[in-house]
Amino acid sequence: MDAPTWTPSGVRLRAARRNPGTTDWLFLPGGPGIGSESLAELVDVVDVPGTSWLVDLPGDGSNVDAPGAPPDPYALWPGVFREEVDAVREPVCVGHSTGGEYLLSVPSLERSIRGLALVDTAPDARWMPVYEAMTRAAPLPGVTAAAERYVEDPSDARLARVAVESAPWNFTAAGLEAGRALLGRMPYNRRAVDWSDRHFDRTYTAAWWPASLPTLVLGGGADRIVTQTLWTTSVSTGITCCTGPSPEPGTGRGSTVPRPSARRSPS
């Protein structure tokens, strides 16, 4: 992986793979707070022509104290992603989970990008109650205990424990061991999780739809986190929607970071 570069406001770009071709593939992670390292293996699998960039907004994942970032980097979210698009020649945006939602919250992107791929994401926040119902129907005692410890004393390390314990929700049985290992090595950032939980997750509605932009909506057939059924009623014609098994059988559904604050008992 190349040495990182930063945009004027601290968006970090890391060239993870370079193939022949001029397209710049911008991979924006989900989570939030999990970091673009979560997409490194996806970059290896898709093997697209051109340069594949791992992108982190200022204050997300391990991109802390980024050069040029203001004291409160979240004040720039999610529109600051425009700087990354403007920094490359032929941008195609790939947004995973919440990362895809952030992309759909910046209408000006449509005039500046060559294509869009949305991976296990949603057109609005209606996925949240479906996800919460799933967690009640299939509770994980390890998540409950880890979330209680996090609420008592929030830290990135305790957030990581919540995420690792949530692996059975994020991965199929065949991919569970690899999924736990992946979640265990990610650089968590609780401030990013808290910002999205307070200011974005529950009020999100896509601010734009591609009119003529080549667009792919890709969802795992076993996704228990972000339901993919919303696309059938929300997406206009001209967008290709694919829901099926993971590219590598059994590897998972796509990871996200549980919001421990949402698990606090009512006072």
C-alpha atoms as a PDB file:
ATOM      1  CA  MET A   1       0.000   0.000   0.000  1.00  0.00           C
ATOM      2  CA  ASP A   2       1.264   3.460  -0.930  1.00  0.00           C
ATOM      3  CA  ALA A   3       2.004   6.114   1.664  1.00  0.00           C
ATOM      4  CA  PRO A   4      -1.154   8.077   2.558  1.00  0.00           C
ATOM      5  CA  THR A   5      -2.036  11.495   1.246  1.00  0.00           C
ATOM      6  CA  TRP A   6      -4.609  13.911   2.656  1.00  0.00           C
ATOM      7  CA  THR A   7      -6.997  16.436   1.150  1.00  0.00           C
ATOM      8  CA  PRO A   8      -7.039  20.004   2.530  1.00  0.00           C
ATOM      9  CA  SER A   9      -9.589  19.064   5.233  1.00  0.00           C
ATOM     10  CA  GLY A  10      -7.995  15.780   6.226  1.00  0.00           C
ATOM     11  CA  VAL A  11      -9.691  13.100   4.104  1.00  0.00           C
ATOM     12  CA  ARG A  12      -7.095  10.316   3.836  1.00  0.00           C
ATOM     13  CA  LEU A  13      -6.372   8.448   0.615  1.00  0.00           C
ATOM     14  CA  ARG A  14      -4.286   5.300   0.421  1.00  0.00           C
ATOM     15  CA  ALA A  15      -3.660   3.577  -2.887  1.00  0.00           C
ATOM     16  CA  ALA A  16      -4.267  -0.067  -1.980  1.00  0.00           C
ATOM     17  CA  ARG A  17      -3.941  -1.509  -5.473  1.00  0.00           C
ATOM     18  CA  ARG A  18      -2.745  -0.266  -8.846  1.00  0.00           C
ATOM     19  CA  ASN A  19      -3.721  -2.031 -12.076  1.00  0.00           C
ATOM     20  CA  PRO A  20      -3.487  -0.841 -15.668  1.00  0.00           C
ATOM     21  CA  GLY A  21      -6.193   1.718 -16.365  1.00  0.00           C
ATOM     22  CA  THR A  22      -7.131   5.285 -15.496  1.00  0.00           C
ATOM     23  CA  THR A  23     -10.182   4.821 -13.255  1.00  0.00           C
ATOM     24  CA  ASP A  24      -9.920   5.850  -9.603  1.00  0.00           C
ATOM     25  CA  TRP A  25     -12.031   3.596  -7.363  1.00  0.00           C
ATOM     26  CA  LEU A  26     -12.787   5.312  -4.050  1.00  0.00           C
ATOM     27  CA  PHE A  27     -13.737   2.786  -1.342  1.00  0.00           C
ATOM     28  CA  LEU A  28     -15.577   4.425   1.579  1.00  0.00           C
ATOM     29  CA  PRO A  29     -16.098   2.110   4.578  1.00  0.00           C
ATOM     30  CA  GLY A  30     -19.182   1.458   6.624  1.00  0.00           C
ATOM     31  CA  GLY A  31     -19.349   1.319  10.358  1.00  0.00           C
ATOM     32  CA  PRO A  32     -18.821   4.139  10.882  1.00  0.00           C
ATOM     33  CA  GLY A  33     -15.754   4.193  13.079  1.00  0.00           C
ATOM     34  CA  ILE A  34     -14.291   0.952  11.741  1.00  0.00           C
ATOM     35  CA  GLY A  35     -11.877   2.372   9.160  1.00  0.00           C
ATOM     36  CA  SER A  36     -11.226   1.596   5.508  1.00  0.00           C
ATOM     37  CA  GLU A  37      -8.978  -1.289   6.555  1.00  0.00           C
ATOM     38  CA  SER A  38     -12.256  -3.228   6.646  1.00  0.00           C
ATOM     39  CA  LEU A  39     -12.412  -3.010   2.839  1.00  0.00           C
ATOM     40  CA  ALA A  40      -8.836  -4.065   2.056  1.00  0.00           C
ATOM     41  CA  GLU A  41      -9.814  -7.657   1.288  1.00  0.00           C
ATOM     42  CA  LEU A  42     -12.700  -6.486  -0.896  1.00  0.00           C
ATOM     43  CA  VAL A  43     -10.216  -4.452  -2.918  1.00  0.00           C
ATOM     44  CA  ASP A  44      -8.130  -7.603  -3.404  1.00  0.00           C
ATOM     45  CA  VAL A  45     -11.151  -9.603  -4.558  1.00  0.00           C
ATOM     46  CA  VAL A  46     -12.697  -7.193  -7.064  1.00  0.00           C
ATOM     47  CA  ASP A  47      -9.378  -6.535  -8.861  1.00  0.00           C
ATOM     48  CA  VAL A  48     -10.704  -3.679 -11.009  1.00  0.00           C
ATOM     49  CA  PRO A  49      -8.719  -1.757 -13.666  1.00  0.00           C
ATOM     50  CA  GLY A  50      -7.093   1.441 -12.451  1.00  0.00           C
ATOM     51  CA  THR A  51      -6.250   2.521  -8.911  1.00  0.00           C
ATOM     52  CA  SER A  52      -8.231   1.391  -5.859  1.00  0.00           C
ATOM     53  CA  TRP A  53      -8.098   3.886  -3.002  1.00  0.00           C
ATOM     54  CA  LEU A  54      -9.021   3.250   0.638  1.00  0.00           C
ATOM     55  CA  VAL A  55     -10.693   6.422   1.908  1.00  0.00           C
ATOM     56  CA  ASP A  56     -11.190   7.622   5.490  1.00  0.00           C
ATOM     57  CA  LEU A  57     -13.019  10.801   6.428  1.00  0.00           C
ATOM     58  CA  PRO A  58     -11.237  12.936   9.030  1.00  0.00           C
ATOM     59  CA  GLY A  59     -11.928  11.457  12.455  1.00  0.00           C
ATOM     60  CA  ASP A  60     -12.917   8.021  11.164  1.00  0.00           C
ATOM     61  CA  GLY A  61     -11.073   4.795  11.948  1.00  0.00           C
ATOM     62  CA  SER A  62      -7.370   5.425  12.344  1.00  0.00           C
ATOM     63  CA  ASN A  63      -7.501   8.779  10.555  1.00  0.00           C
ATOM     64  CA  VAL A  64      -7.220  10.872  13.711  1.00  0.00           C
ATOM     65  CA  ASP A  65      -5.397  14.207  13.982  1.00  0.00           C
ATOM     66  CA  ALA A  66      -5.349  14.336  10.185  1.00  0.00           C
ATOM     67  CA  PRO A  67      -3.377  17.178   8.593  1.00  0.00           C
ATOM     68  CA  GLY A  68      -5.716  20.055   7.796  1.00  0.00           C
ATOM     69  CA  ALA A  69      -8.663  18.658   9.764  1.00  0.00           C
ATOM     70  CA  PRO A  70     -10.465  21.132  12.049  1.00  0.00           C
ATOM     71  CA  PRO A  71     -10.775  20.509  15.818  1.00  0.00           C
ATOM     72  CA  ASP A  72     -14.241  19.063  15.183  1.00  0.00           C
ATOM     73  CA  PRO A  73     -13.840  17.063  11.947  1.00  0.00           C
ATOM     74  CA  TYR A  74     -17.411  15.716  12.169  1.00  0.00           C
ATOM     75  CA  ALA A  75     -18.754  19.179  11.422  1.00  0.00           C
ATOM     76  CA  LEU A  76     -17.601  18.491   7.853  1.00  0.00           C
ATOM     77  CA  TRP A  77     -19.292  15.087   7.524  1.00  0.00           C
ATOM     78  CA  PRO A  78     -20.359  13.741   5.096  1.00  0.00           C
ATOM     79  CA  GLY A  79     -19.911  16.490   2.490  1.00  0.00           C
ATOM     80  CA  VAL A  80     -16.138  16.605   2.977  1.00  0.00           C
ATOM     81  CA  PHE A  81     -15.956  13.490   0.799  1.00  0.00           C
ATOM     82  CA  ARG A  82     -16.193  15.871  -2.167  1.00  0.00           C
ATOM     83  CA  GLU A  83     -12.530  16.734  -1.600  1.00  0.00           C
ATOM     84  CA  GLU A  84     -11.547  13.137  -2.294  1.00  0.00           C
ATOM     85  CA  VAL A  85     -13.520  13.090  -5.538  1.00  0.00           C
ATOM     86  CA  ASP A  86     -11.880  16.325  -6.627  1.00  0.00           C
ATOM     87  CA  ALA A  87      -8.417  14.919  -5.838  1.00  0.00           C
ATOM     88  CA  VAL A  88      -8.486  12.212  -8.546  1.00  0.00           C
ATOM     89  CA  ARG A  89      -9.106  12.180 -12.291  1.00  0.00           C
ATOM     90  CA  GLU A  90     -11.761   9.540 -12.981  1.00  0.00           C
ATOM     91  CA  PRO A  91     -13.590   8.799  -9.713  1.00  0.00           C
ATOM     92  CA  VAL A  92     -15.948   5.889  -9.180  1.00  0.00           C
ATOM     93  CA  CYS A  93     -17.352   5.776  -5.647  1.00  0.00           C
ATOM     94  CA  VAL A  94     -17.829   2.503  -3.772  1.00  0.00           C
ATOM     95  CA  GLY A  95     -19.712   2.928  -0.488  1.00  0.00           C
ATOM     96  CA  HIS A  96     -20.200   0.119   2.004  1.00  0.00           C
ATOM     97  CA  SER A  97     -23.100   0.207   4.470  1.00  0.00           C
ATOM     98  CA  THR A  98     -23.147   3.635   6.177  1.00  0.00           C
ATOM     99  CA  GLY A  99     -20.442   4.754   3.745  1.00  0.00           C
ATOM    100  CA  GLY A 100     -22.930   4.322   0.907  1.00  0.00           C
ATOM    101  CA  GLU A 101     -25.498   6.351   2.840  1.00  0.00           C
ATOM    102  CA  TYR A 102     -22.975   9.144   3.243  1.00  0.00           C
ATOM    103  CA  LEU A 103     -22.442   9.164  -0.528  1.00  0.00           C
ATOM    104  CA  LEU A 104     -26.176   9.410  -1.156  1.00  0.00           C
ATOM    105  CA  SER A 105     -26.283  12.404   1.200  1.00  0.00           C
ATOM    106  CA  VAL A 106     -24.038  14.552  -1.030  1.00  0.00           C
ATOM    107  CA  PRO A 107     -26.052  15.531  -4.152  1.00  0.00           C
ATOM    108  CA  SER A 108     -23.166  17.350  -5.819  1.00  0.00           C
ATOM    109  CA  LEU A 109     -21.333  14.047  -6.286  1.00  0.00           C
ATOM    110  CA  GLU A 110     -23.480  13.095  -9.276  1.00  0.00           C
ATOM    111  CA  ARG A 111     -21.941  15.815 -11.432  1.00  0.00           C
ATOM    112  CA  SER A 112     -18.387  14.797 -10.551  1.00  0.00           C
ATOM    113  CA  ILE A 113     -18.147  10.992 -10.541  1.00  0.00           C
ATOM    114  CA  ARG A 114     -18.081   8.411 -13.339  1.00  0.00           C
ATOM    115  CA  GLY A 115     -19.960   5.668 -11.522  1.00  0.00           C
ATOM    116  CA  LEU A 116     -21.382   4.513  -8.206  1.00  0.00           C
ATOM    117  CA  ALA A 117     -21.436   1.169  -6.374  1.00  0.00           C
ATOM    118  CA  LEU A 118     -23.476   0.723  -3.188  1.00  0.00           C
ATOM    119  CA  VAL A 119     -22.583  -2.357  -1.156  1.00  0.00           C
ATOM    120  CA  ASP A 120     -24.985  -3.554   1.564  1.00  0.00           C
ATOM    121  CA  THR A 121     -26.344  -0.070   2.081  1.00  0.00           C
ATOM    122  CA  ALA A 122     -29.839   1.456   2.093  1.00  0.00           C
ATOM    123  CA  PRO A 123     -31.851   4.310   0.564  1.00  0.00           C
ATOM    124  CA  ASP A 124     -33.102   5.530   3.972  1.00  0.00           C
ATOM    125  CA  ALA A 125     -33.093   4.811   7.692  1.00  0.00           C
ATOM    126  CA  ARG A 126     -35.929   2.260   7.580  1.00  0.00           C
ATOM    127  CA  TRP A 127     -33.290  -0.473   7.883  1.00  0.00           C
ATOM    128  CA  MET A 128     -32.632   0.519  11.505  1.00  0.00           C
ATOM    129  CA  PRO A 129     -35.848  -0.836  13.077  1.00  0.00           C
ATOM    130  CA  VAL A 130     -35.491  -4.029  11.023  1.00  0.00           C
ATOM    131  CA  TYR A 131     -31.960  -4.466  12.368  1.00  0.00           C
ATOM    132  CA  GLU A 132     -33.052  -3.744  15.934  1.00  0.00           C
ATOM    133  CA  ALA A 133     -35.861  -6.297  15.650  1.00  0.00           C
ATOM    134  CA  MET A 134     -33.316  -8.863  14.478  1.00  0.00           C
ATOM    135  CA  THR A 135     -31.104  -8.217  17.502  1.00  0.00           C
ATOM    136  CA  ARG A 136     -34.071  -8.718  19.835  1.00  0.00           C
ATOM    137  CA  ALA A 137     -35.066 -11.924  18.069  1.00  0.00           C
ATOM    138  CA  ALA A 138     -31.505 -13.290  18.052  1.00  0.00           C
ATOM    139  CA  PRO A 139     -29.807 -11.759  21.102  1.00  0.00           C
ATOM    140  CA  LEU A 140     -26.118 -12.255  21.719  1.00  0.00           C
ATOM    141  CA  PRO A 141     -25.217 -12.245  25.437  1.00  0.00           C
ATOM    142  CA  GLY A 142     -21.653 -11.254  24.604  1.00  0.00           C
ATOM    143  CA  VAL A 143     -22.869  -8.115  22.829  1.00  0.00           C
ATOM    144  CA  THR A 144     -25.152  -7.192  25.724  1.00  0.00           C
ATOM    145  CA  ALA A 145     -22.350  -7.540  28.270  1.00  0.00           C
ATOM    146  CA  ALA A 146     -19.814  -5.693  26.118  1.00  0.00           C
ATOM    147  CA  ALA A 147     -22.287  -2.884  25.402  1.00  0.00           C
ATOM    148  CA  GLU A 148     -23.011  -2.442  29.107  1.00  0.00           C
ATOM    149  CA  ARG A 149     -19.285  -2.149  29.832  1.00  0.00           C
ATOM    150  CA  TYR A 150     -18.938   0.361  26.996  1.00  0.00           C
ATOM    151  CA  VAL A 151     -21.787   2.533  28.299  1.00  0.00           C
ATOM    152  CA  GLU A 152     -20.197   2.524  31.764  1.00  0.00           C
ATOM    153  CA  ASP A 153     -16.813   3.669  30.437  1.00  0.00           C
ATOM    154  CA  PRO A 154     -16.712   4.389  26.672  1.00  0.00           C
ATOM    155  CA  SER A 155     -13.407   3.678  24.954  1.00  0.00           C
ATOM    156  CA  ASP A 156     -12.222   2.496  21.547  1.00  0.00           C
ATOM    157  CA  ALA A 157     -11.054  -0.769  23.075  1.00  0.00           C
ATOM    158  CA  ARG A 158     -14.462  -1.458  24.603  1.00  0.00           C
ATOM    159  CA  LEU A 159     -16.165  -0.536  21.327  1.00  0.00           C
ATOM    160  CA  ALA A 160     -13.926  -3.075  19.603  1.00  0.00           C
ATOM    161  CA  ARG A 161     -15.146  -5.726  22.031  1.00  0.00           C
ATOM    162  CA  VAL A 162     -18.772  -4.933  21.149  1.00  0.00           C
ATOM    163  CA  ALA A 163     -17.968  -5.283  17.462  1.00  0.00           C
ATOM    164  CA  VAL A 164     -16.139  -8.586  17.851  1.00  0.00           C
ATOM    165  CA  GLU A 165     -18.976 -10.026  19.932  1.00  0.00           C
ATOM    166  CA  SER A 166     -21.430  -9.032  17.172  1.00  0.00           C
ATOM    167  CA  ALA A 167     -19.679 -11.244  14.605  1.00  0.00           C
ATOM    168  CA  PRO A 168     -22.501 -13.841  14.456  1.00  0.00           C
ATOM    169  CA  TRP A 169     -24.847 -11.104  13.236  1.00  0.00           C
ATOM    170  CA  ASN A 170     -22.352  -9.985  10.591  1.00  0.00           C
ATOM    171  CA  PHE A 171     -21.029 -13.267   9.225  1.00  0.00           C
ATOM    172  CA  THR A 172     -22.373 -16.626   8.146  1.00  0.00           C
ATOM    173  CA  ALA A 173     -21.330 -19.713  10.073  1.00  0.00           C
ATOM    174  CA  ALA A 174     -18.739 -20.635   7.446  1.00  0.00           C
ATOM    175  CA  GLY A 175     -17.113 -17.206   7.683  1.00  0.00           C
ATOM    176  CA  LEU A 176     -17.498 -16.624  11.416  1.00  0.00           C
ATOM    177  CA  GLU A 177     -13.917 -17.375  12.457  1.00  0.00           C
ATOM    178  CA  ALA A 178     -12.458 -15.189   9.715  1.00  0.00           C
ATOM    179  CA  GLY A 179     -15.025 -12.501  10.507  1.00  0.00           C
ATOM    180  CA  ARG A 180     -14.088 -12.373  14.178  1.00  0.00           C
ATOM    181  CA  ALA A 181     -10.437 -12.072  13.203  1.00  0.00           C
ATOM    182  CA  LEU A 182     -11.225  -9.218  10.799  1.00  0.00           C
ATOM    183  CA  LEU A 183     -13.283  -7.313  13.374  1.00  0.00           C
ATOM    184  CA  GLY A 184     -10.586  -7.881  15.971  1.00  0.00           C
ATOM    185  CA  ARG A 185      -7.889  -6.113  13.978  1.00  0.00           C
ATOM    186  CA  MET A 186      -9.852  -3.019  12.906  1.00  0.00           C
ATOM    187  CA  PRO A 187      -9.011   0.494  14.242  1.00  0.00           C
ATOM    188  CA  TYR A 188     -12.203   1.575  16.018  1.00  0.00           C
ATOM    189  CA  ASN A 189     -13.164   5.176  16.644  1.00  0.00           C
ATOM    190  CA  ARG A 190     -15.971   5.749  19.139  1.00  0.00           C
ATOM    191  CA  ARG A 191     -16.287   9.462  18.319  1.00  0.00           C
ATOM    192  CA  ALA A 192     -17.274   8.610  14.745  1.00  0.00           C
ATOM    193  CA  VAL A 193     -19.839   6.076  15.973  1.00  0.00           C
ATOM    194  CA  ASP A 194     -21.301   8.578  18.425  1.00  0.00           C
ATOM    195  CA  TRP A 195     -21.550  11.339  15.797  1.00  0.00           C
ATOM    196  CA  SER A 196     -23.375   9.136  13.313  1.00  0.00           C
ATOM    197  CA  ASP A 197     -25.686   7.749  15.985  1.00  0.00           C
ATOM    198  CA  ARG A 198     -26.640  11.233  17.171  1.00  0.00           C
ATOM    199  CA  HIS A 199     -26.756  13.142  13.888  1.00  0.00           C
ATOM    200  CA  PHE A 200     -27.277  10.802  10.949  1.00  0.00           C
ATOM    201  CA  ASP A 201     -28.328   7.181  11.338  1.00  0.00           C
ATOM    202  CA  ARG A 202     -31.987   7.571  12.323  1.00  0.00           C
ATOM    203  CA  THR A 203     -32.854  10.552  10.141  1.00  0.00           C
ATOM    204  CA  TYR A 204     -31.042   9.543   6.955  1.00  0.00           C
ATOM    205  CA  THR A 205     -32.851   9.691   3.627  1.00  0.00           C
ATOM    206  CA  ALA A 206     -30.985   9.688   0.327  1.00  0.00           C
ATOM    207  CA  ALA A 207     -30.655  13.261  -0.935  1.00  0.00           C
ATOM    208  CA  TRP A 208     -30.161  12.233  -4.560  1.00  0.00           C
ATOM    209  CA  TRP A 209     -30.653   9.362  -6.992  1.00  0.00           C
ATOM    210  CA  PRO A 210     -28.493   8.811 -10.077  1.00  0.00           C
ATOM    211  CA  ALA A 211     -30.370   9.895 -13.185  1.00  0.00           C
ATOM    212  CA  SER A 212     -28.000   8.510 -15.812  1.00  0.00           C
ATOM    213  CA  LEU A 213     -24.894   7.581 -13.820  1.00  0.00           C
ATOM    214  CA  PRO A 214     -23.839   3.911 -14.099  1.00  0.00           C
ATOM    215  CA  THR A 215     -24.843   2.494 -10.712  1.00  0.00           C
ATOM    216  CA  LEU A 216     -24.652  -0.914  -9.069  1.00  0.00           C
ATOM    217  CA  VAL A 217     -26.544  -1.811  -5.888  1.00  0.00           C
ATOM    218  CA  LEU A 218     -25.009  -4.956  -4.425  1.00  0.00           C
ATOM    219  CA  GLY A 219     -26.347  -6.743  -1.361  1.00  0.00           C
ATOM    220  CA  GLY A 220     -25.651 -10.025   0.365  1.00  0.00           C
ATOM    221  CA  GLY A 221     -28.526 -12.473   0.252  1.00  0.00           C
ATOM    222  CA  ALA A 222     -27.901 -13.332   3.924  1.00  0.00           C
ATOM    223  CA  ASP A 223     -27.517  -9.730   5.139  1.00  0.00           C
ATOM    224  CA  ARG A 224     -29.023  -9.452   8.630  1.00  0.00           C
ATOM    225  CA  ILE A 225     -27.682  -5.960   9.351  1.00  0.00           C
ATOM    226  CA  VAL A 226     -28.913  -3.664   6.548  1.00  0.00           C
ATOM    227  CA  THR A 227     -32.004  -5.160   4.945  1.00  0.00           C
ATOM    228  CA  GLN A 228     -31.798  -5.066   1.161  1.00  0.00           C
ATOM    229  CA  THR A 229     -35.554  -5.223   0.631  1.00  0.00           C
ATOM    230  CA  LEU A 230     -35.864  -1.416   0.656  1.00  0.00           C
ATOM    231  CA  TRP A 231     -34.368  -1.135  -2.810  1.00  0.00           C
ATOM    232  CA  THR A 232     -37.284  -2.907  -4.449  1.00  0.00           C
ATOM    233  CA  THR A 233     -39.621  -0.052  -3.533  1.00  0.00           C
ATOM    234  CA  SER A 234     -37.218   2.905  -3.510  1.00  0.00           C
ATOM    235  CA  VAL A 235     -34.987   2.643  -6.563  1.00  0.00           C
ATOM    236  CA  SER A 236     -35.999   4.071  -9.909  1.00  0.00           C
ATOM    237  CA  THR A 237     -35.424   2.240 -13.167  1.00  0.00           C
ATOM    238  CA  GLY A 238     -31.955   2.304 -14.636  1.00  0.00           C
ATOM    239  CA  ILE A 239     -30.151   1.056 -11.525  1.00  0.00           C
ATOM    240  CA  THR A 240     -28.901  -2.502 -11.480  1.00  0.00           C
ATOM    241  CA  CYS A 241     -29.719  -4.264  -8.193  1.00  0.00           C
ATOM    242  CA  CYS A 242     -27.975  -7.514  -7.349  1.00  0.00           C
ATOM    243  CA  THR A 243     -28.729  -9.491  -4.206  1.00  0.00           C
ATOM    244  CA  GLY A 244     -27.071 -12.835  -3.809  1.00  0.00           C
ATOM    245  CA  PRO A 245     -24.406 -14.836  -2.012  1.00  0.00           C
ATOM    246  CA  SER A 246     -21.107 -13.283  -1.020  1.00  0.00           C
ATOM    247  CA  PRO A 247     -18.321 -13.328  -3.661  1.00  0.00           C
ATOM    248  CA  GLU A 248     -16.481 -15.801  -1.443  1.00  0.00           C
ATOM    249  CA  PRO A 249     -19.018 -18.373  -0.208  1.00  0.00           C
ATOM    250  CA  GLY A 250     -19.763 -18.069   3.474  1.00  0.00           C
ATOM    251  CA  THR A 251     -17.564 -15.068   4.172  1.00  0.00           C
ATOM    252  CA  GLY A 252     -20.271 -12.826   5.491  1.00  0.00           C
ATOM    253  CA  ARG A 253     -22.923 -10.211   5.133  1.00  0.00           C
ATOM    254  CA  GLY A 254     -20.875  -7.071   5.524  1.00  0.00           C
ATOM    255  CA  SER A 255     -19.809  -5.732   8.897  1.00  0.00           C
ATOM    256  CA  THR A 256     -21.065  -2.697  10.741  1.00  0.00           C
ATOM    257  CA  VAL A 257     -20.351  -1.346  14.222  1.00  0.00           C
ATOM    258  CA  PRO A 258     -23.245  -1.788  16.695  1.00  0.00           C
ATOM    259  CA  ARG A 259     -24.323   1.439  18.392  1.00  0.00           C
ATOM    260  CA  PRO A 260     -23.818   0.681  22.108  1.00  0.00           C
ATOM    261  CA  SER A 261     -25.729   3.828  23.081  1.00  0.00           C
ATOM    262  CA  ALA A 262     -28.828   2.394  21.426  1.00  0.00           C
ATOM    263  CA  ARG A 263     -28.670  -0.502  23.896  1.00  0.00           C
ATOM    264  CA  ARG A 264     -28.876   1.669  26.994  1.00  0.00           C
ATOM    265  CA  SER A 265     -31.898   0.765  29.108  1.00  0.00           C
ATOM    266  CA  PRO A 266     -34.550   3.493  29.308  1.00  0.00           C
ATOM    267  CA  SER A 267     -34.157   5.620  32.411  1.00  0.00           C
END
